[in-house]
């Protein structure tokens, strides 16, 4: 989580970065618990879709399935910790894309791609 919010790339969060992280964690935690309608402490794939949409992120069925596989393990259900990790990562990657995009597409050299993905 630190790396995702460390926009100054120092290895630690300054006070503004920490405050931004705290606000996002609080918001996403509330979304998780509102989406966990059966109070199981886990999100099913349909609950996950609703939670991600409530977070302001739109995604395809294929991406939802990939996320459930990556963050949900063999059951496909997502814990609060996993949900926080995935929405913070999606939020950061979307922000990076918006910063780099030109007409809805980006072009990166391999070292630029690796730099972004290894720390974000």
PDB file of N, CA and C in Angstrom:
ATOM      1  N   UNK A   1       0.818  -1.192   0.000  1.00  0.00           N
ATOM      2  CA  UNK A   1       0.000   0.000   0.000  1.00  0.00           C
ATOM      3  C   UNK A   1       0.863   1.257   0.000  1.00  0.00           C
ATOM      4  N   UNK A   2       1.977   1.189   0.696  1.00  0.00           N
ATOM      5  CA  UNK A   2       2.863   2.354   0.742  1.00  0.00           C
ATOM      6  C   UNK A   2       3.333   2.706  -0.666  1.00  0.00           C
ATOM      7  N   UNK A   3       3.793   1.725  -1.407  1.00  0.00           N
ATOM      8  CA  UNK A   3       4.308   1.990  -2.752  1.00  0.00           C
ATOM      9  C   UNK A   3       3.230   2.574  -3.659  1.00  0.00           C
ATOM     10  N   UNK A   4       1.992   2.130  -3.496  1.00  0.00           N
ATOM     11  CA  UNK A   4       0.912   2.638  -4.338  1.00  0.00           C
ATOM     12  C   UNK A   4       0.623   4.113  -4.080  1.00  0.00           C
ATOM     13  N   UNK A   5       0.832   4.559  -2.866  1.00  0.00           N
ATOM     14  CA  UNK A   5       0.517   5.942  -2.505  1.00  0.00           C
ATOM     15  C   UNK A   5       1.749   6.840  -2.468  1.00  0.00           C
ATOM     16  N   UNK A   6       2.924   6.256  -2.592  1.00  0.00           N
ATOM     17  CA  UNK A   6       4.185   6.998  -2.513  1.00  0.00           C
ATOM     18  C   UNK A   6       4.477   7.663  -3.852  1.00  0.00           C
ATOM     19  N   UNK A   7       3.746   8.732  -4.147  1.00  0.00           N
ATOM     20  CA  UNK A   7       3.912   9.398  -5.441  1.00  0.00           C
ATOM     21  C   UNK A   7       5.234  10.150  -5.541  1.00  0.00           C
ATOM     22  N   UNK A   8       5.844  10.443  -4.402  1.00  0.00           N
ATOM     23  CA  UNK A   8       7.150  11.111  -4.417  1.00  0.00           C
ATOM     24  C   UNK A   8       8.303  10.113  -4.573  1.00  0.00           C
ATOM     25  N   UNK A   9       7.994   8.820  -4.533  1.00  0.00           N
ATOM     26  CA  UNK A   9       8.949   7.723  -4.719  1.00  0.00           C
ATOM     27  C   UNK A   9      10.147   7.868  -3.777  1.00  0.00           C
ATOM     28  N   UNK A  10       9.844   7.905  -2.481  1.00  0.00           N
ATOM     29  CA  UNK A  10      10.877   8.006  -1.452  1.00  0.00           C
ATOM     30  C   UNK A  10      10.978   6.737  -0.613  1.00  0.00           C
ATOM     31  N   UNK A  11      10.014   5.825  -0.774  1.00  0.00           N
ATOM     32  CA  UNK A  11      10.000   4.622   0.051  1.00  0.00           C
ATOM     33  C   UNK A  11       9.211   4.798   1.334  1.00  0.00           C
ATOM     34  N   UNK A  12       8.671   5.977   1.537  1.00  0.00           N
ATOM     35  CA  UNK A  12       7.827   6.241   2.709  1.00  0.00           C
ATOM     36  C   UNK A  12       6.782   7.277   2.312  1.00  0.00           C
ATOM     37  N   UNK A  13       5.766   7.391   3.136  1.00  0.00           N
ATOM     38  CA  UNK A  13       4.697   8.338   2.848  1.00  0.00           C
ATOM     39  C   UNK A  13       4.919   9.642   3.606  1.00  0.00           C
ATOM     40  N   UNK A  14       4.784  10.746   2.898  1.00  0.00           N
ATOM     41  CA  UNK A  14       4.776  12.027   3.602  1.00  0.00           C
ATOM     42  C   UNK A  14       3.371  12.224   4.175  1.00  0.00           C
ATOM     43  N   UNK A  15       3.147  13.294   4.892  1.00  0.00           N
ATOM     44  CA  UNK A  15       1.862  13.466   5.579  1.00  0.00           C
ATOM     45  C   UNK A  15       0.693  13.554   4.601  1.00  0.00           C
ATOM     46  N   UNK A  16       0.872  14.216   3.464  1.00  0.00           N
ATOM     47  CA  UNK A  16      -0.205  14.300   2.471  1.00  0.00           C
ATOM     48  C   UNK A  16      -0.519  12.932   1.877  1.00  0.00           C
ATOM     49  N   UNK A  17       0.514  12.168   1.552  1.00  0.00           N
ATOM     50  CA  UNK A  17       0.315  10.828   0.991  1.00  0.00           C
ATOM     51  C   UNK A  17      -0.362   9.917   2.005  1.00  0.00           C
ATOM     52  N   UNK A  18       0.044  10.006   3.278  1.00  0.00           N
ATOM     53  CA  UNK A  18      -0.573   9.184   4.312  1.00  0.00           C
ATOM     54  C   UNK A  18      -2.044   9.543   4.482  1.00  0.00           C
ATOM     55  N   UNK A  19      -2.351  10.820   4.514  1.00  0.00           N
ATOM     56  CA  UNK A  19      -3.735  11.256   4.665  1.00  0.00           C
ATOM     57  C   UNK A  19      -4.585  10.778   3.495  1.00  0.00           C
ATOM     58  N   UNK A  20      -4.046  10.859   2.282  1.00  0.00           N
ATOM     59  CA  UNK A  20      -4.763  10.377   1.096  1.00  0.00           C
ATOM     60  C   UNK A  20      -5.009   8.873   1.203  1.00  0.00           C
ATOM     61  N   UNK A  21      -4.001   8.115   1.647  1.00  0.00           N
ATOM     62  CA  UNK A  21      -4.163   6.673   1.840  1.00  0.00           C
ATOM     63  C   UNK A  21      -5.226   6.394   2.891  1.00  0.00           C
ATOM     64  N   UNK A  22      -5.172   7.072   4.013  1.00  0.00           N
ATOM     65  CA  UNK A  22      -6.130   6.845   5.096  1.00  0.00           C
ATOM     66  C   UNK A  22      -7.566   7.093   4.628  1.00  0.00           C
ATOM     67  N   UNK A  23      -7.769   8.177   3.887  1.00  0.00           N
ATOM     68  CA  UNK A  23      -9.112   8.489   3.371  1.00  0.00           C
ATOM     69  C   UNK A  23      -9.596   7.419   2.404  1.00  0.00           C
ATOM     70  N   UNK A  24      -8.711   6.970   1.526  1.00  0.00           N
ATOM     71  CA  UNK A  24      -9.098   5.933   0.569  1.00  0.00           C
ATOM     72  C   UNK A  24      -9.405   4.618   1.277  1.00  0.00           C
ATOM     73  N   UNK A  25      -8.572   4.223   2.234  1.00  0.00           N
ATOM     74  CA  UNK A  25      -8.812   2.976   2.973  1.00  0.00           C
ATOM     75  C   UNK A  25     -10.151   3.048   3.692  1.00  0.00           C
ATOM     76  N   UNK A  26     -10.434   4.164   4.329  1.00  0.00           N
ATOM     77  CA  UNK A  26     -11.707   4.331   5.037  1.00  0.00           C
ATOM     78  C   UNK A  26     -12.883   4.241   4.071  1.00  0.00           C
ATOM     79  N   UNK A  27     -12.788   4.915   2.933  1.00  0.00           N
ATOM     80  CA  UNK A  27     -13.856   4.890   1.941  1.00  0.00           C
ATOM     81  C   UNK A  27     -14.058   3.479   1.381  1.00  0.00           C
ATOM     82  N   UNK A  28     -12.959   2.819   0.991  1.00  0.00           N
ATOM     83  CA  UNK A  28     -13.066   1.481   0.410  1.00  0.00           C
ATOM     84  C   UNK A  28     -13.517   0.448   1.441  1.00  0.00           C
ATOM     85  N   UNK A  29     -13.146   0.622   2.697  1.00  0.00           N
ATOM     86  CA  UNK A  29     -13.613  -0.273   3.762  1.00  0.00           C
ATOM     87  C   UNK A  29     -15.128  -0.156   3.903  1.00  0.00           C
ATOM     88  N   UNK A  30     -15.646   1.054   3.882  1.00  0.00           N
ATOM     89  CA  UNK A  30     -17.093   1.262   3.965  1.00  0.00           C
ATOM     90  C   UNK A  30     -17.803   0.629   2.769  1.00  0.00           C
ATOM     91  N   UNK A  31     -17.234   0.786   1.583  1.00  0.00           N
ATOM     92  CA  UNK A  31     -17.809   0.171   0.378  1.00  0.00           C
ATOM     93  C   UNK A  31     -17.822  -1.345   0.519  1.00  0.00           C
ATOM     94  N   UNK A  32     -16.729  -1.920   1.030  1.00  0.00           N
ATOM     95  CA  UNK A  32     -16.650  -3.371   1.227  1.00  0.00           C
ATOM     96  C   UNK A  32     -17.790  -3.844   2.122  1.00  0.00           C
ATOM     97  N   UNK A  33     -17.948  -3.216   3.276  1.00  0.00           N
ATOM     98  CA  UNK A  33     -18.960  -3.679   4.228  1.00  0.00           C
ATOM     99  C   UNK A  33     -20.382  -3.450   3.725  1.00  0.00           C
ATOM    100  N   UNK A  34     -20.622  -2.393   2.956  1.00  0.00           N
ATOM    101  CA  UNK A  34     -21.944  -2.192   2.349  1.00  0.00           C
ATOM    102  C   UNK A  34     -22.226  -3.242   1.277  1.00  0.00           C
ATOM    103  N   UNK A  35     -21.186  -3.681   0.582  1.00  0.00           N
ATOM    104  CA  UNK A  35     -21.344  -4.673  -0.492  1.00  0.00           C
ATOM    105  C   UNK A  35     -21.433  -6.097   0.035  1.00  0.00           C
ATOM    106  N   UNK A  36     -20.935  -6.331   1.235  1.00  0.00           N
ATOM    107  CA  UNK A  36     -20.967  -7.659   1.864  1.00  0.00           C
ATOM    108  C   UNK A  36     -22.344  -7.864   2.505  1.00  0.00           C
ATOM    109  N   UNK A  37     -23.358  -8.032   1.650  1.00  0.00           N
ATOM    110  CA  UNK A  37     -24.745  -8.058   2.128  1.00  0.00           C
ATOM    111  C   UNK A  37     -25.066  -9.273   2.993  1.00  0.00           C
ATOM    112  N   UNK A  38     -24.323 -10.357   2.839  1.00  0.00           N
ATOM    113  CA  UNK A  38     -24.572 -11.542   3.670  1.00  0.00           C
ATOM    114  C   UNK A  38     -23.700 -11.560   4.927  1.00  0.00           C
ATOM    115  N   UNK A  39     -22.909 -10.518   5.126  1.00  0.00           N
ATOM    116  CA  UNK A  39     -22.057 -10.352   6.320  1.00  0.00           C
ATOM    117  C   UNK A  39     -21.117 -11.536   6.556  1.00  0.00           C
ATOM    118  N   UNK A  40     -20.598 -12.077   5.460  1.00  0.00           N
ATOM    119  CA  UNK A  40     -19.681 -13.214   5.554  1.00  0.00           C
ATOM    120  C   UNK A  40     -18.234 -12.769   5.767  1.00  0.00           C
ATOM    121  N   UNK A  41     -17.966 -11.494   5.569  1.00  0.00           N
ATOM    122  CA  UNK A  41     -16.593 -11.009   5.639  1.00  0.00           C
ATOM    123  C   UNK A  41     -15.831 -11.232   4.346  1.00  0.00           C
ATOM    124  N   UNK A  42     -16.527 -11.717   3.328  1.00  0.00           N
ATOM    125  CA  UNK A  42     -15.937 -11.977   2.017  1.00  0.00           C
ATOM    126  C   UNK A  42     -16.899 -11.462   0.952  1.00  0.00           C
ATOM    127  N   UNK A  43     -16.352 -11.068  -0.190  1.00  0.00           N
ATOM    128  CA  UNK A  43     -17.185 -10.652  -1.310  1.00  0.00           C
ATOM    129  C   UNK A  43     -17.211 -11.748  -2.365  1.00  0.00           C
ATOM    130  N   UNK A  44     -18.417 -12.152  -2.758  1.00  0.00           N
ATOM    131  CA  UNK A  44     -18.581 -13.064  -3.891  1.00  0.00           C
ATOM    132  C   UNK A  44     -18.327 -12.261  -5.166  1.00  0.00           C
ATOM    133  N   UNK A  45     -18.340 -12.915  -6.317  1.00  0.00           N
ATOM    134  CA  UNK A  45     -18.056 -12.185  -7.558  1.00  0.00           C
ATOM    135  C   UNK A  45     -19.112 -11.121  -7.843  1.00  0.00           C
ATOM    136  N   UNK A  46     -20.388 -11.398  -7.569  1.00  0.00           N
ATOM    137  CA  UNK A  46     -21.415 -10.375  -7.811  1.00  0.00           C
ATOM    138  C   UNK A  46     -21.280  -9.226  -6.813  1.00  0.00           C
ATOM    139  N   UNK A  47     -20.963  -9.548  -5.566  1.00  0.00           N
ATOM    140  CA  UNK A  47     -20.735  -8.500  -4.573  1.00  0.00           C
ATOM    141  C   UNK A  47     -19.488  -7.691  -4.934  1.00  0.00           C
ATOM    142  N   UNK A  48     -18.475  -8.374  -5.451  1.00  0.00           N
ATOM    143  CA  UNK A  48     -17.245  -7.698  -5.861  1.00  0.00           C
ATOM    144  C   UNK A  48     -17.530  -6.711  -6.983  1.00  0.00           C
ATOM    145  N   UNK A  49     -18.304  -7.128  -7.966  1.00  0.00           N
ATOM    146  CA  UNK A  49     -18.661  -6.226  -9.072  1.00  0.00           C
ATOM    147  C   UNK A  49     -19.344  -4.970  -8.526  1.00  0.00           C
ATOM    148  N   UNK A  50     -20.306  -5.164  -7.619  1.00  0.00           N
ATOM    149  CA  UNK A  50     -21.016  -4.021  -7.040  1.00  0.00           C
ATOM    150  C   UNK A  50     -20.065  -3.114  -6.267  1.00  0.00           C
ATOM    151  N   UNK A  51     -19.146  -3.718  -5.517  1.00  0.00           N
ATOM    152  CA  UNK A  51     -18.193  -2.936  -4.725  1.00  0.00           C
ATOM    153  C   UNK A  51     -17.254  -2.141  -5.629  1.00  0.00           C
ATOM    154  N   UNK A  52     -16.772  -2.765  -6.685  1.00  0.00           N
ATOM    155  CA  UNK A  52     -15.866  -2.075  -7.604  1.00  0.00           C
ATOM    156  C   UNK A  52     -16.603  -0.945  -8.319  1.00  0.00           C
ATOM    157  N   UNK A  53     -17.837  -1.202  -8.728  1.00  0.00           N
ATOM    158  CA  UNK A  53     -18.627  -0.152  -9.373  1.00  0.00           C
ATOM    159  C   UNK A  53     -18.894   0.998  -8.401  1.00  0.00           C
ATOM    160  N   UNK A  54     -19.163   0.678  -7.131  1.00  0.00           N
ATOM    161  CA  UNK A  54     -19.368   1.718  -6.112  1.00  0.00           C
ATOM    162  C   UNK A  54     -18.094   2.525  -5.890  1.00  0.00           C
ATOM    163  N   UNK A  55     -16.960   1.928  -6.216  1.00  0.00           N
ATOM    164  CA  UNK A  55     -15.673   2.620  -6.098  1.00  0.00           C
ATOM    165  C   UNK A  55     -15.420   3.543  -7.282  1.00  0.00           C
ATOM    166  N   UNK A  56     -16.321   3.511  -8.260  1.00  0.00           N
ATOM    167  CA  UNK A  56     -16.181   4.375  -9.424  1.00  0.00           C
ATOM    168  C   UNK A  56     -15.391   3.765 -10.553  1.00  0.00           C
ATOM    169  N   UNK A  57     -15.174   2.460 -10.501  1.00  0.00           N
ATOM    170  CA  UNK A  57     -14.376   1.766 -11.513  1.00  0.00           C
ATOM    171  C   UNK A  57     -15.304   0.887 -12.344  1.00  0.00           C
ATOM    172  N   UNK A  58     -15.194   0.977 -13.650  1.00  0.00           N
ATOM    173  CA  UNK A  58     -15.962   0.120 -14.560  1.00  0.00           C
ATOM    174  C   UNK A  58     -15.019  -0.949 -15.103  1.00  0.00           C
ATOM    175  N   UNK A  59     -15.527  -2.176 -15.230  1.00  0.00           N
ATOM    176  CA  UNK A  59     -14.674  -3.242 -15.730  1.00  0.00           C
ATOM    177  C   UNK A  59     -15.492  -4.279 -16.471  1.00  0.00           C
ATOM    178  N   UNK A  60     -14.814  -5.006 -17.337  1.00  0.00           N
ATOM    179  CA  UNK A  60     -15.450  -6.056 -18.128  1.00  0.00           C
ATOM    180  C   UNK A  60     -15.584  -7.325 -17.292  1.00  0.00           C
ATOM    181  N   UNK A  61     -16.395  -8.257 -17.788  1.00  0.00           N
ATOM    182  CA  UNK A  61     -16.525  -9.557 -17.122  1.00  0.00           C
ATOM    183  C   UNK A  61     -15.183 -10.282 -17.086  1.00  0.00           C
ATOM    184  N   UNK A  62     -14.422 -10.188 -18.179  1.00  0.00           N
ATOM    185  CA  UNK A  62     -13.115 -10.851 -18.220  1.00  0.00           C
ATOM    186  C   UNK A  62     -12.174 -10.299 -17.159  1.00  0.00           C
ATOM    187  N   UNK A  63     -12.162  -8.983 -16.988  1.00  0.00           N
ATOM    188  CA  UNK A  63     -11.301  -8.382 -15.970  1.00  0.00           C
ATOM    189  C   UNK A  63     -11.781  -8.749 -14.572  1.00  0.00           C
ATOM    190  N   UNK A  64     -13.086  -8.778 -14.364  1.00  0.00           N
ATOM    191  CA  UNK A  64     -13.623  -9.191 -13.063  1.00  0.00           C
ATOM    192  C   UNK A  64     -13.188 -10.619 -12.736  1.00  0.00           C
ATOM    193  N   UNK A  65     -13.269 -11.521 -13.705  1.00  0.00           N
ATOM    194  CA  UNK A  65     -12.841 -12.908 -13.491  1.00  0.00           C
ATOM    195  C   UNK A  65     -11.349 -12.989 -13.182  1.00  0.00           C
ATOM    196  N   UNK A  66     -10.555 -12.200 -13.872  1.00  0.00           N
ATOM    197  CA  UNK A  66      -9.112 -12.167 -13.628  1.00  0.00           C
ATOM    198  C   UNK A  66      -8.814 -11.663 -12.219  1.00  0.00           C
ATOM    199  N   UNK A  67      -9.519 -10.626 -11.798  1.00  0.00           N
ATOM    200  CA  UNK A  67      -9.344 -10.071 -10.452  1.00  0.00           C
ATOM    201  C   UNK A  67      -9.728 -11.100  -9.398  1.00  0.00           C
ATOM    202  N   UNK A  68     -10.855 -11.788  -9.598  1.00  0.00           N
ATOM    203  CA  UNK A  68     -11.290 -12.809  -8.638  1.00  0.00           C
ATOM    204  C   UNK A  68     -10.255 -13.923  -8.539  1.00  0.00           C
ATOM    205  N   UNK A  69      -9.674 -14.307  -9.655  1.00  0.00           N
ATOM    206  CA  UNK A  69      -8.641 -15.340  -9.659  1.00  0.00           C
ATOM    207  C   UNK A  69      -7.385 -14.856  -8.939  1.00  0.00           C
ATOM    208  N   UNK A  70      -6.959 -13.638  -9.222  1.00  0.00           N
ATOM    209  CA  UNK A  70      -5.726 -13.081  -8.643  1.00  0.00           C
ATOM    210  C   UNK A  70      -5.860 -12.782  -7.155  1.00  0.00           C
ATOM    211  N   UNK A  71      -6.972 -12.195  -6.758  1.00  0.00           N
ATOM    212  CA  UNK A  71      -7.126 -11.739  -5.378  1.00  0.00           C
ATOM    213  C   UNK A  71      -8.002 -12.645  -4.526  1.00  0.00           C
ATOM    214  N   UNK A  72      -8.736 -13.568  -5.141  1.00  0.00           N
ATOM    215  CA  UNK A  72      -9.665 -14.401  -4.382  1.00  0.00           C
ATOM    216  C   UNK A  72      -9.198 -15.812  -4.132  1.00  0.00           C
ATOM    217  N   UNK A  73      -8.073 -16.188  -4.678  1.00  0.00           N
ATOM    218  CA  UNK A  73      -7.584 -17.544  -4.466  1.00  0.00           C
ATOM    219  C   UNK A  73      -8.502 -18.580  -5.087  1.00  0.00           C
ATOM    220  N   UNK A  74      -8.495 -19.773  -4.545  1.00  0.00           N
ATOM    221  CA  UNK A  74      -9.261 -20.875  -5.135  1.00  0.00           C
ATOM    222  C   UNK A  74     -10.766 -20.681  -4.996  1.00  0.00           C
ATOM    223  N   UNK A  75     -11.206 -19.981  -3.954  1.00  0.00           N
ATOM    224  CA  UNK A  75     -12.644 -19.777  -3.754  1.00  0.00           C
ATOM    225  C   UNK A  75     -13.195 -18.659  -4.633  1.00  0.00           C
ATOM    226  N   UNK A  76     -12.342 -17.736  -5.026  1.00  0.00           N
ATOM    227  CA  UNK A  76     -12.798 -16.591  -5.801  1.00  0.00           C
ATOM    228  C   UNK A  76     -13.419 -15.502  -4.950  1.00  0.00           C
ATOM    229  N   UNK A  77     -13.554 -15.747  -3.647  1.00  0.00           N
ATOM    230  CA  UNK A  77     -14.110 -14.749  -2.739  1.00  0.00           C
ATOM    231  C   UNK A  77     -13.006 -13.818  -2.253  1.00  0.00           C
ATOM    232  N   UNK A  78     -13.351 -12.566  -2.054  1.00  0.00           N
ATOM    233  CA  UNK A  78     -12.372 -11.529  -1.758  1.00  0.00           C
ATOM    234  C   UNK A  78     -12.527 -11.044  -0.319  1.00  0.00           C
ATOM    235  N   UNK A  79     -11.430 -11.082   0.434  1.00  0.00           N
ATOM    236  CA  UNK A  79     -11.419 -10.566   1.809  1.00  0.00           C
ATOM    237  C   UNK A  79     -11.273  -9.041   1.782  1.00  0.00           C
ATOM    238  N   UNK A  80     -11.485  -8.412   2.925  1.00  0.00           N
ATOM    239  CA  UNK A  80     -11.305  -6.962   3.022  1.00  0.00           C
ATOM    240  C   UNK A  80      -9.879  -6.569   2.642  1.00  0.00           C
ATOM    241  N   UNK A  81      -8.906  -7.278   3.171  1.00  0.00           N
ATOM    242  CA  UNK A  81      -7.504  -6.975   2.865  1.00  0.00           C
ATOM    243  C   UNK A  81      -7.232  -7.064   1.367  1.00  0.00           C
ATOM    244  N   UNK A  82      -7.725  -8.116   0.730  1.00  0.00           N
ATOM    245  CA  UNK A  82      -7.528  -8.271  -0.714  1.00  0.00           C
ATOM    246  C   UNK A  82      -8.267  -7.189  -1.492  1.00  0.00           C
ATOM    247  N   UNK A  83      -9.475  -6.853  -1.043  1.00  0.00           N
ATOM    248  CA  UNK A  83     -10.245  -5.804  -1.710  1.00  0.00           C
ATOM    249  C   UNK A  83      -9.510  -4.469  -1.645  1.00  0.00           C
ATOM    250  N   UNK A  84      -8.991  -4.143  -0.471  1.00  0.00           N
ATOM    251  CA  UNK A  84      -8.243  -2.894  -0.335  1.00  0.00           C
ATOM    252  C   UNK A  84      -7.031  -2.886  -1.260  1.00  0.00           C
ATOM    253  N   UNK A  85      -6.307  -3.993  -1.313  1.00  0.00           N
ATOM    254  CA  UNK A  85      -5.135  -4.083  -2.191  1.00  0.00           C
ATOM    255  C   UNK A  85      -5.522  -3.878  -3.646  1.00  0.00           C
ATOM    256  N   UNK A  86      -6.597  -4.542  -4.068  1.00  0.00           N
ATOM    257  CA  UNK A  86      -6.950  -4.471  -5.488  1.00  0.00           C
ATOM    258  C   UNK A  86      -7.502  -3.109  -5.879  1.00  0.00           C
ATOM    259  N   UNK A  87      -8.368  -2.496  -5.059  1.00  0.00           N
ATOM    260  CA  UNK A  87      -8.917  -1.198  -5.471  1.00  0.00           C
ATOM    261  C   UNK A  87      -7.874  -0.087  -5.373  1.00  0.00           C
ATOM    262  N   UNK A  88      -6.985  -0.167  -4.408  1.00  0.00           N
ATOM    263  CA  UNK A  88      -5.906   0.822  -4.347  1.00  0.00           C
ATOM    264  C   UNK A  88      -4.992   0.689  -5.559  1.00  0.00           C
ATOM    265  N   UNK A  89      -4.714  -0.543  -5.958  1.00  0.00           N
ATOM    266  CA  UNK A  89      -3.868  -0.767  -7.139  1.00  0.00           C
ATOM    267  C   UNK A  89      -4.570  -0.293  -8.413  1.00  0.00           C
ATOM    268  N   UNK A  90      -5.855  -0.643  -8.563  1.00  0.00           N
ATOM    269  CA  UNK A  90      -6.597  -0.204  -9.749  1.00  0.00           C
ATOM    270  C   UNK A  90      -6.675   1.322  -9.802  1.00  0.00           C
ATOM    271  N   UNK A  91      -6.905   1.941  -8.660  1.00  0.00           N
ATOM    272  CA  UNK A  91      -6.980   3.396  -8.586  1.00  0.00           C
ATOM    273  C   UNK A  91      -5.656   4.022  -9.028  1.00  0.00           C
ATOM    274  N   UNK A  92      -4.560   3.491  -8.537  1.00  0.00           N
ATOM    275  CA  UNK A  92      -3.232   4.024  -8.879  1.00  0.00           C
ATOM    276  C   UNK A  92      -2.909   3.806 -10.350  1.00  0.00           C
ATOM    277  N   UNK A  93      -3.194   2.606 -10.857  1.00  0.00           N
ATOM    278  CA  UNK A  93      -2.881   2.318 -12.252  1.00  0.00           C
ATOM    279  C   UNK A  93      -3.741   3.173 -13.187  1.00  0.00           C
ATOM    280  N   UNK A  94      -5.005   3.410 -12.821  1.00  0.00           N
ATOM    281  CA  UNK A  94      -5.869   4.277 -13.629  1.00  0.00           C
ATOM    282  C   UNK A  94      -5.334   5.708 -13.630  1.00  0.00           C
ATOM    283  N   UNK A  95      -4.835   6.155 -12.483  1.00  0.00           N
ATOM    284  CA  UNK A  95      -4.265   7.507 -12.400  1.00  0.00           C
ATOM    285  C   UNK A  95      -3.020   7.617 -13.274  1.00  0.00           C
ATOM    286  N   UNK A  96      -2.161   6.611 -13.227  1.00  0.00           N
ATOM    287  CA  UNK A  96      -0.961   6.608 -14.070  1.00  0.00           C
ATOM    288  C   UNK A  96      -1.358   6.640 -15.541  1.00  0.00           C
ATOM    289  N   UNK A  97      -2.356   5.839 -15.914  1.00  0.00           N
ATOM    290  CA  UNK A  97      -2.810   5.822 -17.306  1.00  0.00           C
ATOM    291  C   UNK A  97      -3.313   7.202 -17.728  1.00  0.00           C
ATOM    292  N   UNK A  98      -4.134   7.820 -16.877  1.00  0.00           N
ATOM    293  CA  UNK A  98      -4.665   9.152 -17.205  1.00  0.00           C
ATOM    294  C   UNK A  98      -3.538  10.173 -17.373  1.00  0.00           C
ATOM    295  N   UNK A  99      -2.494  10.051 -16.562  1.00  0.00           N
ATOM    296  CA  UNK A  99      -1.365  10.979 -16.670  1.00  0.00           C
ATOM    297  C   UNK A  99      -0.578  10.774 -17.959  1.00  0.00           C
ATOM    298  N   UNK A 100      -0.512   9.539 -18.445  1.00  0.00           N
ATOM    299  CA  UNK A 100       0.317   9.217 -19.607  1.00  0.00           C
ATOM    300  C   UNK A 100      -0.452   9.136 -20.919  1.00  0.00           C
ATOM    301  N   UNK A 101      -1.780   9.094 -20.861  1.00  0.00           N
ATOM    302  CA  UNK A 101      -2.541   8.800 -22.072  1.00  0.00           C
ATOM    303  C   UNK A 101      -2.570   9.971 -23.041  1.00  0.00           C
ATOM    304  N   UNK A 102      -2.688   9.578 -24.287  1.00  0.00           N
ATOM    305  CA  UNK A 102      -2.806  10.532 -25.380  1.00  0.00           C
ATOM    306  C   UNK A 102      -3.912  10.010 -26.288  1.00  0.00           C
ATOM    307  N   UNK A 103      -5.097  10.546 -26.134  1.00  0.00           N
ATOM    308  CA  UNK A 103      -6.216  10.081 -26.950  1.00  0.00           C
ATOM    309  C   UNK A 103      -6.713   8.704 -26.558  1.00  0.00           C
ATOM    310  N   UNK A 104      -6.569   8.325 -25.290  1.00  0.00           N
ATOM    311  CA  UNK A 104      -7.076   7.038 -24.825  1.00  0.00           C
ATOM    312  C   UNK A 104      -6.104   5.887 -24.966  1.00  0.00           C
ATOM    313  N   UNK A 105      -4.859   6.178 -25.340  1.00  0.00           N
ATOM    314  CA  UNK A 105      -3.848   5.127 -25.476  1.00  0.00           C
ATOM    315  C   UNK A 105      -2.517   5.649 -24.930  1.00  0.00           C
ATOM    316  N   UNK A 106      -1.666   4.717 -24.523  1.00  0.00           N
ATOM    317  CA  UNK A 106      -0.323   5.097 -24.080  1.00  0.00           C
ATOM    318  C   UNK A 106       0.702   4.268 -24.839  1.00  0.00           C
ATOM    319  N   UNK A 107       1.890   4.806 -24.917  1.00  0.00           N
ATOM    320  CA  UNK A 107       3.001   4.099 -25.537  1.00  0.00           C
ATOM    321  C   UNK A 107       4.178   4.179 -24.572  1.00  0.00           C
ATOM    322  N   UNK A 108       4.687   3.009 -24.185  1.00  0.00           N
ATOM    323  CA  UNK A 108       5.789   2.948 -23.229  1.00  0.00           C
ATOM    324  C   UNK A 108       6.902   2.063 -23.757  1.00  0.00           C
ATOM    325  N   UNK A 109       8.115   2.420 -23.419  1.00  0.00           N
ATOM    326  CA  UNK A 109       9.247   1.526 -23.666  1.00  0.00           C
ATOM    327  C   UNK A 109       9.239   0.470 -22.571  1.00  0.00           C
ATOM    328  N   UNK A 110       9.918  -0.636 -22.803  1.00  0.00           N
ATOM    329  CA  UNK A 110       9.888  -1.721 -21.820  1.00  0.00           C
ATOM    330  C   UNK A 110      10.401  -1.275 -20.457  1.00  0.00           C
ATOM    331  N   UNK A 111      11.447  -0.454 -20.421  1.00  0.00           N
ATOM    332  CA  UNK A 111      11.968  -0.010 -19.126  1.00  0.00           C
ATOM    333  C   UNK A 111      10.996   0.934 -18.413  1.00  0.00           C
ATOM    334  N   UNK A 112      10.226   1.719 -19.160  1.00  0.00           N
ATOM    335  CA  UNK A 112       9.205   2.579 -18.550  1.00  0.00           C
ATOM    336  C   UNK A 112       8.085   1.733 -17.945  1.00  0.00           C
ATOM    337  N   UNK A 113       7.648   0.724 -18.679  1.00  0.00           N
ATOM    338  CA  UNK A 113       6.607  -0.184 -18.197  1.00  0.00           C
ATOM    339  C   UNK A 113       7.057  -0.890 -16.922  1.00  0.00           C
ATOM    340  N   UNK A 114       8.284  -1.399 -16.927  1.00  0.00           N
ATOM    341  CA  UNK A 114       8.808  -2.091 -15.754  1.00  0.00           C
ATOM    342  C   UNK A 114       8.919  -1.141 -14.563  1.00  0.00           C
ATOM    343  N   UNK A 115       9.351   0.079 -14.790  1.00  0.00           N
ATOM    344  CA  UNK A 115       9.481   1.063 -13.718  1.00  0.00           C
ATOM    345  C   UNK A 115       8.125   1.316 -13.060  1.00  0.00           C
ATOM    346  N   UNK A 116       7.105   1.501 -13.872  1.00  0.00           N
ATOM    347  CA  UNK A 116       5.764   1.763 -13.342  1.00  0.00           C
ATOM    348  C   UNK A 116       5.230   0.556 -12.583  1.00  0.00           C
ATOM    349  N   UNK A 117       5.330  -0.620 -13.172  1.00  0.00           N
ATOM    350  CA  UNK A 117       4.703  -1.798 -12.565  1.00  0.00           C
ATOM    351  C   UNK A 117       5.468  -2.364 -11.381  1.00  0.00           C
ATOM    352  N   UNK A 118       6.753  -2.155 -11.313  1.00  0.00           N
ATOM    353  CA  UNK A 118       7.524  -2.726 -10.208  1.00  0.00           C
ATOM    354  C   UNK A 118       7.357  -1.956  -8.907  1.00  0.00           C
ATOM    355  N   UNK A 119       7.038  -0.679  -8.970  1.00  0.00           N
ATOM    356  CA  UNK A 119       6.887   0.076  -7.728  1.00  0.00           C
ATOM    357  C   UNK A 119       5.435   0.399  -7.411  1.00  0.00           C
ATOM    358  N   UNK A 120       4.602   0.474  -8.402  1.00  0.00           N
ATOM    359  CA  UNK A 120       3.194   0.845  -8.160  1.00  0.00           C
ATOM    360  C   UNK A 120       2.402  -0.325  -7.619  1.00  0.00           C
TER     361      UNK A 120
END
